Amino acid sequence: MGQIFHACAYDTEERICCTVDADKFHANCFSYSGAVMTMHYLLRQKPYRVMWGGNYIELDNDLKYFPRFEDLLGLSTYHHDFDKFKDLKNKKIYNEIKHWAMNNVADCI
């Protein structure tokens, strides 16, 4: 198996983003892959924030490793299913999740 990744470029001020399914990181992170070329192209346009995020974040409630609001916005560009977080209301990060859900970057291209 293996973790599936998403490449995303996002602007926290303009609230715009672009996400690309990048499949497995080790197999698809090379200079001429579609995900890498897309991120390089967007970075030539303006200084976006770029994140390569995986889908395993909900398995162990690893949201605690993303303390910055900018990181949470990056995660929100590709991760929308909050039901996968087990016992969320009992977790210390519950308020962060609520904030993340209310402020996600909605205008992805």
C-alpha atoms as a PDB file:
ATOM      1  CA  MET A   1       0.000   0.000   0.000  1.00  0.00           C
ATOM      2  CA  GLY A   2       1.344   3.411   0.840  1.00  0.00           C
ATOM      3  CA  GLN A   3       0.240   6.899   1.531  1.00  0.00           C
ATOM      4  CA  ILE A   4      -1.307   8.911  -1.288  1.00  0.00           C
ATOM      5  CA  PHE A   5      -0.154  12.519  -1.534  1.00  0.00           C
ATOM      6  CA  HIS A   6      -1.657  15.713  -2.871  1.00  0.00           C
ATOM      7  CA  ALA A   7       0.356  18.662  -4.131  1.00  0.00           C
ATOM      8  CA  CYS A   8      -1.207  21.999  -3.361  1.00  0.00           C
ATOM      9  CA  ALA A   9      -0.276  25.594  -3.925  1.00  0.00           C
ATOM     10  CA  TYR A  10      -2.310  28.167  -2.050  1.00  0.00           C
ATOM     11  CA  ASP A  11      -2.488  31.835  -1.205  1.00  0.00           C
ATOM     12  CA  THR A  12      -3.739  32.575   2.307  1.00  0.00           C
ATOM     13  CA  GLU A  13      -4.574  36.215   1.562  1.00  0.00           C
ATOM     14  CA  GLU A  14      -6.487  35.774  -1.692  1.00  0.00           C
ATOM     15  CA  ARG A  15      -7.884  32.417  -0.533  1.00  0.00           C
ATOM     16  CA  ILE A  16      -7.167  30.615  -3.799  1.00  0.00           C
ATOM     17  CA  CYS A  17      -5.506  27.277  -4.352  1.00  0.00           C
ATOM     18  CA  CYS A  18      -4.661  24.541  -6.796  1.00  0.00           C
ATOM     19  CA  THR A  19      -4.504  20.887  -5.795  1.00  0.00           C
ATOM     20  CA  VAL A  20      -3.210  17.955  -7.805  1.00  0.00           C
ATOM     21  CA  ASP A  21      -3.385  14.298  -6.820  1.00  0.00           C
ATOM     22  CA  ALA A  22       0.259  13.236  -6.777  1.00  0.00           C
ATOM     23  CA  ASP A  23      -0.222   9.547  -5.889  1.00  0.00           C
ATOM     24  CA  LYS A  24       2.678   7.973  -3.995  1.00  0.00           C
ATOM     25  CA  PHE A  25       5.394  10.504  -3.198  1.00  0.00           C
ATOM     26  CA  HIS A  26       8.424   8.320  -3.941  1.00  0.00           C
ATOM     27  CA  ALA A  27       7.002   7.202  -7.271  1.00  0.00           C
ATOM     28  CA  ASN A  28       5.810  10.574  -8.525  1.00  0.00           C
ATOM     29  CA  CYS A  29       8.139  13.212  -7.171  1.00  0.00           C
ATOM     30  CA  PHE A  30      10.426  13.834 -10.107  1.00  0.00           C
ATOM     31  CA  SER A  31      10.982  17.000 -12.090  1.00  0.00           C
ATOM     32  CA  TYR A  32       8.773  16.126 -15.053  1.00  0.00           C
ATOM     33  CA  SER A  33       5.812  14.653 -13.168  1.00  0.00           C
ATOM     34  CA  GLY A  34       2.530  16.466 -13.647  1.00  0.00           C
ATOM     35  CA  ALA A  35       2.231  17.448  -9.977  1.00  0.00           C
ATOM     36  CA  VAL A  36       5.762  18.847  -9.741  1.00  0.00           C
ATOM     37  CA  MET A  37       5.481  20.693 -13.058  1.00  0.00           C
ATOM     38  CA  THR A  38       2.168  22.228 -11.978  1.00  0.00           C
ATOM     39  CA  MET A  39       3.638  23.502  -8.701  1.00  0.00           C
ATOM     40  CA  HIS A  40       6.731  24.862 -10.503  1.00  0.00           C
ATOM     41  CA  TYR A  41       4.531  26.645 -13.034  1.00  0.00           C
ATOM     42  CA  LEU A  42       2.415  28.249 -10.298  1.00  0.00           C
ATOM     43  CA  LEU A  43       5.510  29.335  -8.356  1.00  0.00           C
ATOM     44  CA  ARG A  44       6.760  31.137 -11.458  1.00  0.00           C
ATOM     45  CA  GLN A  45       3.518  33.158 -11.416  1.00  0.00           C
ATOM     46  CA  LYS A  46       3.687  34.285  -7.766  1.00  0.00           C
ATOM     47  CA  PRO A  47       5.005  33.108  -4.381  1.00  0.00           C
ATOM     48  CA  TYR A  48       2.363  30.576  -3.344  1.00  0.00           C
ATOM     49  CA  ARG A  49       2.641  28.423  -0.266  1.00  0.00           C
ATOM     50  CA  VAL A  50       3.238  24.845  -1.399  1.00  0.00           C
ATOM     51  CA  MET A  51       2.396  21.677   0.512  1.00  0.00           C
ATOM     52  CA  TRP A  52       2.800  18.018  -0.327  1.00  0.00           C
ATOM     53  CA  GLY A  53       0.233  16.501   2.000  1.00  0.00           C
ATOM     54  CA  GLY A  54      -0.659  12.906   2.634  1.00  0.00           C
ATOM     55  CA  ASN A  55      -3.943  11.219   3.384  1.00  0.00           C
ATOM     56  CA  TYR A  56      -2.694   9.409   6.530  1.00  0.00           C
ATOM     57  CA  ILE A  57      -3.181  12.488   8.702  1.00  0.00           C
ATOM     58  CA  GLU A  58      -6.548  11.291   9.991  1.00  0.00           C
ATOM     59  CA  LEU A  59      -5.344   7.802  10.971  1.00  0.00           C
ATOM     60  CA  ASP A  60      -3.597   8.846  14.182  1.00  0.00           C
ATOM     61  CA  ASN A  61      -5.112  12.308  14.586  1.00  0.00           C
ATOM     62  CA  ASP A  62      -1.781  13.789  13.521  1.00  0.00           C
ATOM     63  CA  LEU A  63      -3.231  17.264  13.175  1.00  0.00           C
ATOM     64  CA  LYS A  64      -1.280  18.213  16.301  1.00  0.00           C
ATOM     65  CA  TYR A  65       1.843  18.352  14.120  1.00  0.00           C
ATOM     66  CA  PHE A  66       0.383  21.263  12.134  1.00  0.00           C
ATOM     67  CA  PRO A  67       0.141  24.108  14.665  1.00  0.00           C
ATOM     68  CA  ARG A  68       0.271  27.045  12.236  1.00  0.00           C
ATOM     69  CA  PHE A  69      -2.935  28.371  10.714  1.00  0.00           C
ATOM     70  CA  GLU A  70      -1.218  28.496   7.300  1.00  0.00           C
ATOM     71  CA  ASP A  71      -0.573  24.758   7.526  1.00  0.00           C
ATOM     72  CA  LEU A  72      -4.183  24.048   8.419  1.00  0.00           C
ATOM     73  CA  LEU A  73      -5.302  26.064   5.400  1.00  0.00           C
ATOM     74  CA  GLY A  74      -2.966  24.011   3.237  1.00  0.00           C
ATOM     75  CA  LEU A  75      -4.442  20.789   4.573  1.00  0.00           C
ATOM     76  CA  SER A  76      -7.935  22.096   3.953  1.00  0.00           C
ATOM     77  CA  THR A  77      -7.225  22.400   0.219  1.00  0.00           C
ATOM     78  CA  TYR A  78      -7.308  18.642  -0.200  1.00  0.00           C
ATOM     79  CA  HIS A  79      -8.655  17.078   3.007  1.00  0.00           C
ATOM     80  CA  HIS A  80     -12.357  17.588   3.650  1.00  0.00           C
ATOM     81  CA  ASP A  81     -13.582  14.503   5.488  1.00  0.00           C
ATOM     82  CA  PHE A  82     -13.571  15.336   9.195  1.00  0.00           C
ATOM     83  CA  ASP A  83     -15.584  12.229  10.087  1.00  0.00           C
ATOM     84  CA  LYS A  84     -12.422  10.136   9.847  1.00  0.00           C
ATOM     85  CA  PHE A  85     -10.977  11.788  12.946  1.00  0.00           C
ATOM     86  CA  LYS A  86     -11.962   9.435  15.763  1.00  0.00           C
ATOM     87  CA  ASP A  87     -13.294  10.925  19.027  1.00  0.00           C
ATOM     88  CA  LEU A  88     -12.570  14.413  17.760  1.00  0.00           C
ATOM     89  CA  LYS A  89     -14.576  16.258  20.394  1.00  0.00           C
ATOM     90  CA  ASN A  90     -12.467  14.642  23.109  1.00  0.00           C
ATOM     91  CA  LYS A  91      -9.196  15.764  21.549  1.00  0.00           C
ATOM     92  CA  LYS A  92      -7.158  18.825  22.402  1.00  0.00           C
ATOM     93  CA  ILE A  93      -7.166  19.843  18.738  1.00  0.00           C
ATOM     94  CA  TYR A  94     -10.958  20.076  18.436  1.00  0.00           C
ATOM     95  CA  ASN A  95     -10.955  23.898  18.330  1.00  0.00           C
ATOM     96  CA  GLU A  96      -8.269  23.844  15.650  1.00  0.00           C
ATOM     97  CA  ILE A  97     -10.381  21.483  13.555  1.00  0.00           C
ATOM     98  CA  LYS A  98     -13.437  23.732  13.930  1.00  0.00           C
ATOM     99  CA  HIS A  99     -11.374  26.749  12.918  1.00  0.00           C
ATOM    100  CA  TRP A 100      -9.909  24.808  10.008  1.00  0.00           C
ATOM    101  CA  ALA A 101     -13.339  23.699   8.804  1.00  0.00           C
ATOM    102  CA  MET A 102     -14.728  27.240   8.929  1.00  0.00           C
ATOM    103  CA  ASN A 103     -11.740  28.842   7.181  1.00  0.00           C
ATOM    104  CA  ASN A 104     -10.781  26.340   4.538  1.00  0.00           C
ATOM    105  CA  VAL A 105      -9.524  27.616   1.228  1.00  0.00           C
ATOM    106  CA  ALA A 106     -12.647  27.096  -0.823  1.00  0.00           C
ATOM    107  CA  ASP A 107     -11.664  28.437  -4.241  1.00  0.00           C
ATOM    108  CA  CYS A 108      -9.434  25.677  -5.589  1.00  0.00           C
ATOM    109  CA  ILE A 109      -8.725  25.596  -9.276  1.00  0.00           C
END
